[in-house]
């Protein structure tokens, strides 16, 4: 059997808001995980980094400007090293705690401007993808599965066998079906609940037959 329908700019506009919210949540979760890893790495490296910077800076100050290692310089370097290690042992906790507090305060500052820019970028990317899906389609199906064909353009064709379907979702505008691979990527085949190209009763009858062949229960 064959059904025909269109995916319109109105469909795109209806879907964009919810999809943007979902992608923003995913992006925030990913950023939070990355920032957590960076923060953990910073905490581990902060003490050795500052220790080596201070020690190396002191050594270089003794070595320059003459750039030669005399016995006096070696003694000075040894004395500086001992003094630096003792001072580090007694005063480093206070210094590092202040630095960690400042770093934590900086991480806690809201990044609303960046968040708004990121949301606009996500919306622009999604809108471009959804607009590419707009157009007229032909849905062919039988007892083995279905094939979805874009009527204009390059006539892109794809589909699923019924047994491949693991997710079936109902929204105000679409019936959506997906295999495990598509579902893991947050993608699906979207079949509009109204045609735009066929008589309404004929389309609804054909759509009812299509839905009766879907082997999984619908999710709202």
C-alpha atoms as a PDB file:
ATOM      1  CA  UNK A   1       0.000   0.000   0.000  1.00  0.00           C
ATOM      2  CA  UNK A   2       1.081   3.580  -0.566  1.00  0.00           C
ATOM      3  CA  UNK A   3       0.522   6.802   1.371  1.00  0.00           C
ATOM      4  CA  UNK A   4       1.637  10.289   0.433  1.00  0.00           C
ATOM      5  CA  UNK A   5       2.235  13.231   2.747  1.00  0.00           C
ATOM      6  CA  UNK A   6       4.224  16.403   3.206  1.00  0.00           C
ATOM      7  CA  UNK A   7       6.494  17.595   5.989  1.00  0.00           C
ATOM      8  CA  UNK A   8       5.957  21.340   6.138  1.00  0.00           C
ATOM      9  CA  UNK A   9       7.654  24.395   7.691  1.00  0.00           C
ATOM     10  CA  UNK A  10       4.834  24.323  10.253  1.00  0.00           C
ATOM     11  CA  UNK A  11       5.954  20.827  11.270  1.00  0.00           C
ATOM     12  CA  UNK A  12       9.505  22.115  11.604  1.00  0.00           C
ATOM     13  CA  UNK A  13       8.400  25.006  13.790  1.00  0.00           C
ATOM     14  CA  UNK A  14       6.304  22.719  15.976  1.00  0.00           C
ATOM     15  CA  UNK A  15       9.231  20.332  16.557  1.00  0.00           C
ATOM     16  CA  UNK A  16      12.072  22.809  16.961  1.00  0.00           C
ATOM     17  CA  UNK A  17      11.346  24.068  20.480  1.00  0.00           C
ATOM     18  CA  UNK A  18      11.220  20.656  22.165  1.00  0.00           C
ATOM     19  CA  UNK A  19      14.222  19.365  20.222  1.00  0.00           C
ATOM     20  CA  UNK A  20      16.284  22.407  21.170  1.00  0.00           C
ATOM     21  CA  UNK A  21      15.437  21.875  24.844  1.00  0.00           C
ATOM     22  CA  UNK A  22      16.506  18.225  24.576  1.00  0.00           C
ATOM     23  CA  UNK A  23      19.779  19.074  22.842  1.00  0.00           C
ATOM     24  CA  UNK A  24      20.560  21.847  25.319  1.00  0.00           C
ATOM     25  CA  UNK A  25      20.088  19.398  28.197  1.00  0.00           C
ATOM     26  CA  UNK A  26      22.394  16.879  26.485  1.00  0.00           C
ATOM     27  CA  UNK A  27      24.969  19.578  25.809  1.00  0.00           C
ATOM     28  CA  UNK A  28      24.823  20.817  29.403  1.00  0.00           C
ATOM     29  CA  UNK A  29      25.279  17.271  30.694  1.00  0.00           C
ATOM     30  CA  UNK A  30      28.257  16.704  28.401  1.00  0.00           C
ATOM     31  CA  UNK A  31      29.815  20.024  29.416  1.00  0.00           C
ATOM     32  CA  UNK A  32      29.272  19.207  33.084  1.00  0.00           C
ATOM     33  CA  UNK A  33      31.064  15.867  32.672  1.00  0.00           C
ATOM     34  CA  UNK A  34      33.963  17.523  30.841  1.00  0.00           C
ATOM     35  CA  UNK A  35      34.236  20.300  33.416  1.00  0.00           C
ATOM     36  CA  UNK A  36      34.175  17.698  36.184  1.00  0.00           C
ATOM     37  CA  UNK A  37      37.101  15.874  34.595  1.00  0.00           C
ATOM     38  CA  UNK A  38      38.996  19.138  34.073  1.00  0.00           C
ATOM     39  CA  UNK A  39      38.327  20.187  37.674  1.00  0.00           C
ATOM     40  CA  UNK A  40      39.570  16.823  38.960  1.00  0.00           C
ATOM     41  CA  UNK A  41      42.717  17.148  36.845  1.00  0.00           C
ATOM     42  CA  UNK A  42      43.292  20.723  38.036  1.00  0.00           C
ATOM     43  CA  UNK A  43      42.945  19.671  41.676  1.00  0.00           C
ATOM     44  CA  UNK A  44      45.490  16.891  41.205  1.00  0.00           C
ATOM     45  CA  UNK A  45      48.014  19.031  39.305  1.00  0.00           C
ATOM     46  CA  UNK A  46      47.667  22.295  41.212  1.00  0.00           C
ATOM     47  CA  UNK A  47      50.091  21.443  44.046  1.00  0.00           C
ATOM     48  CA  UNK A  48      52.882  19.857  41.952  1.00  0.00           C
ATOM     49  CA  UNK A  49      52.570  22.560  39.297  1.00  0.00           C
ATOM     50  CA  UNK A  50      52.973  25.435  41.744  1.00  0.00           C
ATOM     51  CA  UNK A  51      55.754  23.615  43.574  1.00  0.00           C
ATOM     52  CA  UNK A  52      57.732  23.107  40.368  1.00  0.00           C
ATOM     53  CA  UNK A  53      57.064  26.645  39.118  1.00  0.00           C
ATOM     54  CA  UNK A  54      58.378  28.148  42.355  1.00  0.00           C
ATOM     55  CA  UNK A  55      61.390  25.854  42.524  1.00  0.00           C
ATOM     56  CA  UNK A  56      62.227  26.305  38.851  1.00  0.00           C
ATOM     57  CA  UNK A  57      61.817  30.082  39.053  1.00  0.00           C
ATOM     58  CA  UNK A  58      64.198  30.268  42.016  1.00  0.00           C
ATOM     59  CA  UNK A  59      66.800  28.113  40.276  1.00  0.00           C
ATOM     60  CA  UNK A  60      66.641  30.227  37.137  1.00  0.00           C
ATOM     61  CA  UNK A  61      66.978  33.428  39.160  1.00  0.00           C
ATOM     62  CA  UNK A  62      70.203  32.077  40.681  1.00  0.00           C
ATOM     63  CA  UNK A  63      71.530  30.758  37.355  1.00  0.00           C
ATOM     64  CA  UNK A  64      70.977  33.974  35.410  1.00  0.00           C
ATOM     65  CA  UNK A  65      72.339  36.381  34.279  1.00  0.00           C
ATOM     66  CA  UNK A  66      75.903  34.962  34.163  1.00  0.00           C
ATOM     67  CA  UNK A  67      74.716  31.522  32.976  1.00  0.00           C
ATOM     68  CA  UNK A  68      77.514  29.524  34.554  1.00  0.00           C
ATOM     69  CA  UNK A  69      77.465  27.038  37.393  1.00  0.00           C
ATOM     70  CA  UNK A  70      80.091  28.071  39.886  1.00  0.00           C
ATOM     71  CA  UNK A  71      80.514  26.318  43.263  1.00  0.00           C
ATOM     72  CA  UNK A  72      78.899  29.328  44.916  1.00  0.00           C
ATOM     73  CA  UNK A  73      75.847  29.037  42.681  1.00  0.00           C
ATOM     74  CA  UNK A  74      75.524  25.334  43.370  1.00  0.00           C
ATOM     75  CA  UNK A  75      75.633  25.984  47.103  1.00  0.00           C
ATOM     76  CA  UNK A  76      73.051  28.769  46.675  1.00  0.00           C
ATOM     77  CA  UNK A  77      70.806  26.451  44.686  1.00  0.00           C
ATOM     78  CA  UNK A  78      71.078  23.726  47.302  1.00  0.00           C
ATOM     79  CA  UNK A  79      70.360  26.184  50.123  1.00  0.00           C
ATOM     80  CA  UNK A  80      67.393  27.627  48.165  1.00  0.00           C
ATOM     81  CA  UNK A  81      66.000  24.145  47.521  1.00  0.00           C
ATOM     82  CA  UNK A  82      66.099  23.214  51.202  1.00  0.00           C
ATOM     83  CA  UNK A  83      64.591  26.539  52.242  1.00  0.00           C
ATOM     84  CA  UNK A  84      61.915  26.356  49.549  1.00  0.00           C
ATOM     85  CA  UNK A  85      60.891  22.795  50.497  1.00  0.00           C
ATOM     86  CA  UNK A  86      60.620  23.730  54.185  1.00  0.00           C
ATOM     87  CA  UNK A  87      58.547  26.841  53.391  1.00  0.00           C
ATOM     88  CA  UNK A  88      56.368  24.858  50.996  1.00  0.00           C
ATOM     89  CA  UNK A  89      55.683  22.262  53.655  1.00  0.00           C
ATOM     90  CA  UNK A  90      54.498  24.862  56.182  1.00  0.00           C
ATOM     91  CA  UNK A  91      52.737  27.429  53.943  1.00  0.00           C
ATOM     92  CA  UNK A  92      51.568  25.598  50.799  1.00  0.00           C
ATOM     93  CA  UNK A  93      48.218  24.454  52.273  1.00  0.00           C
ATOM     94  CA  UNK A  94      47.171  28.036  52.964  1.00  0.00           C
ATOM     95  CA  UNK A  95      48.185  29.167  49.469  1.00  0.00           C
ATOM     96  CA  UNK A  96      46.577  26.220  47.685  1.00  0.00           C
ATOM     97  CA  UNK A  97      43.351  26.494  49.670  1.00  0.00           C
ATOM     98  CA  UNK A  98      42.999  30.132  48.618  1.00  0.00           C
ATOM     99  CA  UNK A  99      43.687  29.241  45.005  1.00  0.00           C
ATOM    100  CA  UNK A 100      41.199  26.373  45.079  1.00  0.00           C
ATOM    101  CA  UNK A 101      38.563  28.648  46.586  1.00  0.00           C
ATOM    102  CA  UNK A 102      39.079  31.254  43.857  1.00  0.00           C
ATOM    103  CA  UNK A 103      38.933  28.570  41.180  1.00  0.00           C
ATOM    104  CA  UNK A 104      35.744  27.124  42.701  1.00  0.00           C
ATOM    105  CA  UNK A 105      34.161  30.595  42.895  1.00  0.00           C
ATOM    106  CA  UNK A 106      35.030  31.213  39.248  1.00  0.00           C
ATOM    107  CA  UNK A 107      33.495  27.880  38.192  1.00  0.00           C
ATOM    108  CA  UNK A 108      30.335  28.705  40.115  1.00  0.00           C
ATOM    109  CA  UNK A 109      29.762  31.985  38.271  1.00  0.00           C
ATOM    110  CA  UNK A 110      26.778  31.826  35.907  1.00  0.00           C
ATOM    111  CA  UNK A 111      27.566  31.686  32.199  1.00  0.00           C
ATOM    112  CA  UNK A 112      24.166  32.872  30.969  1.00  0.00           C
ATOM    113  CA  UNK A 113      25.538  34.759  27.958  1.00  0.00           C
ATOM    114  CA  UNK A 114      27.483  31.737  26.755  1.00  0.00           C
ATOM    115  CA  UNK A 115      24.466  29.510  27.431  1.00  0.00           C
ATOM    116  CA  UNK A 116      22.243  31.754  25.278  1.00  0.00           C
ATOM    117  CA  UNK A 117      24.777  31.773  22.425  1.00  0.00           C
ATOM    118  CA  UNK A 118      25.086  27.995  22.633  1.00  0.00           C
ATOM    119  CA  UNK A 119      21.307  27.610  22.545  1.00  0.00           C
ATOM    120  CA  UNK A 120      21.090  29.758  19.407  1.00  0.00           C
ATOM    121  CA  UNK A 121      23.799  27.675  17.714  1.00  0.00           C
ATOM    122  CA  UNK A 122      21.990  24.448  18.577  1.00  0.00           C
ATOM    123  CA  UNK A 123      18.689  25.867  17.313  1.00  0.00           C
ATOM    124  CA  UNK A 124      20.301  26.997  14.051  1.00  0.00           C
ATOM    125  CA  UNK A 125      21.854  23.574  13.468  1.00  0.00           C
ATOM    126  CA  UNK A 126      18.615  21.729  14.210  1.00  0.00           C
ATOM    127  CA  UNK A 127      16.546  24.062  12.066  1.00  0.00           C
ATOM    128  CA  UNK A 128      18.874  23.464   9.118  1.00  0.00           C
ATOM    129  CA  UNK A 129      18.534  19.681   9.510  1.00  0.00           C
ATOM    130  CA  UNK A 130      14.755  19.820   9.909  1.00  0.00           C
ATOM    131  CA  UNK A 131      14.299  22.119   6.911  1.00  0.00           C
ATOM    132  CA  UNK A 132      16.265  19.638   4.810  1.00  0.00           C
ATOM    133  CA  UNK A 133      13.616  17.038   5.705  1.00  0.00           C
ATOM    134  CA  UNK A 134      10.737  19.223   4.518  1.00  0.00           C
ATOM    135  CA  UNK A 135       8.983  18.142   1.329  1.00  0.00           C
ATOM    136  CA  UNK A 136       6.668  15.546  -0.163  1.00  0.00           C
ATOM    137  CA  UNK A 137       7.057  11.837   0.621  1.00  0.00           C
ATOM    138  CA  UNK A 138       5.687   8.509  -0.491  1.00  0.00           C
ATOM    139  CA  UNK A 139       5.317   5.786   2.142  1.00  0.00           C
ATOM    140  CA  UNK A 140       5.130   2.260   0.735  1.00  0.00           C
ATOM    141  CA  UNK A 141       4.498  -0.698   3.035  1.00  0.00           C
ATOM    142  CA  UNK A 142       3.490  -4.340   2.999  1.00  0.00           C
ATOM    143  CA  UNK A 143       3.641  -7.294   5.384  1.00  0.00           C
ATOM    144  CA  UNK A 144       7.463  -7.218   5.385  1.00  0.00           C
ATOM    145  CA  UNK A 145       8.096  -3.578   6.269  1.00  0.00           C
ATOM    146  CA  UNK A 146       7.989  -0.055   4.879  1.00  0.00           C
ATOM    147  CA  UNK A 147       9.966   2.193   2.578  1.00  0.00           C
ATOM    148  CA  UNK A 148       9.946   5.992   2.769  1.00  0.00           C
ATOM    149  CA  UNK A 149      10.770   7.848  -0.438  1.00  0.00           C
ATOM    150  CA  UNK A 150      11.228  11.597  -0.863  1.00  0.00           C
ATOM    151  CA  UNK A 151       9.324  12.502  -4.018  1.00  0.00           C
ATOM    152  CA  UNK A 152      11.365  15.499  -5.144  1.00  0.00           C
ATOM    153  CA  UNK A 153      15.087  16.158  -5.186  1.00  0.00           C
ATOM    154  CA  UNK A 154      17.276  13.049  -5.266  1.00  0.00           C
ATOM    155  CA  UNK A 155      14.444  10.797  -4.198  1.00  0.00           C
ATOM    156  CA  UNK A 156      16.172   9.547  -1.073  1.00  0.00           C
ATOM    157  CA  UNK A 157      14.857   6.126  -0.050  1.00  0.00           C
ATOM    158  CA  UNK A 158      15.101   4.271   3.247  1.00  0.00           C
ATOM    159  CA  UNK A 159      12.972   2.059   5.469  1.00  0.00           C
ATOM    160  CA  UNK A 160      12.710  -0.707   8.032  1.00  0.00           C
ATOM    161  CA  UNK A 161      11.417  -4.233   8.350  1.00  0.00           C
ATOM    162  CA  UNK A 162       8.659  -4.448  10.944  1.00  0.00           C
ATOM    163  CA  UNK A 163      10.742  -6.636  13.241  1.00  0.00           C
ATOM    164  CA  UNK A 164      13.464  -3.990  13.338  1.00  0.00           C
ATOM    165  CA  UNK A 165      11.194  -1.448  15.021  1.00  0.00           C
ATOM    166  CA  UNK A 166      11.903  -1.073  18.748  1.00  0.00           C
ATOM    167  CA  UNK A 167      10.332   2.307  19.444  1.00  0.00           C
ATOM    168  CA  UNK A 168       6.965   3.795  18.474  1.00  0.00           C
ATOM    169  CA  UNK A 169       6.078   7.274  19.676  1.00  0.00           C
ATOM    170  CA  UNK A 170       2.973   9.418  19.213  1.00  0.00           C
ATOM    171  CA  UNK A 171       3.158  13.230  19.195  1.00  0.00           C
ATOM    172  CA  UNK A 172       0.525  15.836  18.267  1.00  0.00           C
ATOM    173  CA  UNK A 173       1.875  15.993  14.690  1.00  0.00           C
ATOM    174  CA  UNK A 174       3.660  12.704  14.029  1.00  0.00           C
ATOM    175  CA  UNK A 175       3.836   8.979  14.500  1.00  0.00           C
ATOM    176  CA  UNK A 176       7.509   8.155  14.942  1.00  0.00           C
ATOM    177  CA  UNK A 177       9.137   4.732  14.561  1.00  0.00           C
ATOM    178  CA  UNK A 178      12.774   3.793  15.028  1.00  0.00           C
ATOM    179  CA  UNK A 179      15.088   0.802  15.023  1.00  0.00           C
ATOM    180  CA  UNK A 180      17.650   0.340  17.808  1.00  0.00           C
ATOM    181  CA  UNK A 181      20.387   2.115  15.836  1.00  0.00           C
ATOM    182  CA  UNK A 182      18.256   5.182  15.100  1.00  0.00           C
ATOM    183  CA  UNK A 183      16.839   5.260  18.612  1.00  0.00           C
ATOM    184  CA  UNK A 184      20.338   5.275  20.131  1.00  0.00           C
ATOM    185  CA  UNK A 185      21.041   8.441  18.117  1.00  0.00           C
ATOM    186  CA  UNK A 186      17.740  10.097  19.025  1.00  0.00           C
ATOM    187  CA  UNK A 187      16.465   9.736  15.440  1.00  0.00           C
ATOM    188  CA  UNK A 188      13.342   8.177  13.934  1.00  0.00           C
ATOM    189  CA  UNK A 189      11.101   8.022  10.889  1.00  0.00           C
ATOM    190  CA  UNK A 190       8.352  10.634  11.267  1.00  0.00           C
ATOM    191  CA  UNK A 191       4.982   9.997   9.645  1.00  0.00           C
ATOM    192  CA  UNK A 192       2.607  13.012   9.827  1.00  0.00           C
ATOM    193  CA  UNK A 193      -0.817  12.398  11.306  1.00  0.00           C
ATOM    194  CA  UNK A 194      -2.335  14.396   8.432  1.00  0.00           C
ATOM    195  CA  UNK A 195      -1.351  14.098   4.783  1.00  0.00           C
ATOM    196  CA  UNK A 196      -1.650  17.378   2.898  1.00  0.00           C
ATOM    197  CA  UNK A 197      -1.545  15.377  -0.363  1.00  0.00           C
ATOM    198  CA  UNK A 198      -4.346  12.817   0.007  1.00  0.00           C
ATOM    199  CA  UNK A 199      -7.996  12.745   0.898  1.00  0.00           C
ATOM    200  CA  UNK A 200      -8.199  12.808   4.684  1.00  0.00           C
ATOM    201  CA  UNK A 201     -10.353   9.676   5.068  1.00  0.00           C
ATOM    202  CA  UNK A 202      -8.237   7.657   2.641  1.00  0.00           C
ATOM    203  CA  UNK A 203      -5.051   8.729   4.383  1.00  0.00           C
ATOM    204  CA  UNK A 204      -6.405   7.914   7.835  1.00  0.00           C
ATOM    205  CA  UNK A 205      -7.523   4.459   6.698  1.00  0.00           C
ATOM    206  CA  UNK A 206      -4.098   3.728   5.221  1.00  0.00           C
ATOM    207  CA  UNK A 207      -2.387   5.170   8.264  1.00  0.00           C
ATOM    208  CA  UNK A 208      -4.482   2.948  10.509  1.00  0.00           C
ATOM    209  CA  UNK A 209      -3.324  -0.102   8.538  1.00  0.00           C
ATOM    210  CA  UNK A 210       0.299   1.054   8.786  1.00  0.00           C
ATOM    211  CA  UNK A 211       0.008   1.511  12.563  1.00  0.00           C
ATOM    212  CA  UNK A 212      -1.598  -1.905  12.973  1.00  0.00           C
ATOM    213  CA  UNK A 213       1.560  -3.488  11.538  1.00  0.00           C
ATOM    214  CA  UNK A 214       3.914  -1.740  13.985  1.00  0.00           C
ATOM    215  CA  UNK A 215       4.936  -4.494  16.437  1.00  0.00           C
ATOM    216  CA  UNK A 216       5.580  -2.361  19.545  1.00  0.00           C
ATOM    217  CA  UNK A 217       3.288  -0.342  21.803  1.00  0.00           C
ATOM    218  CA  UNK A 218       3.025   3.416  21.389  1.00  0.00           C
ATOM    219  CA  UNK A 219       4.688   5.888  23.744  1.00  0.00           C
ATOM    220  CA  UNK A 220       3.174   9.316  24.298  1.00  0.00           C
END
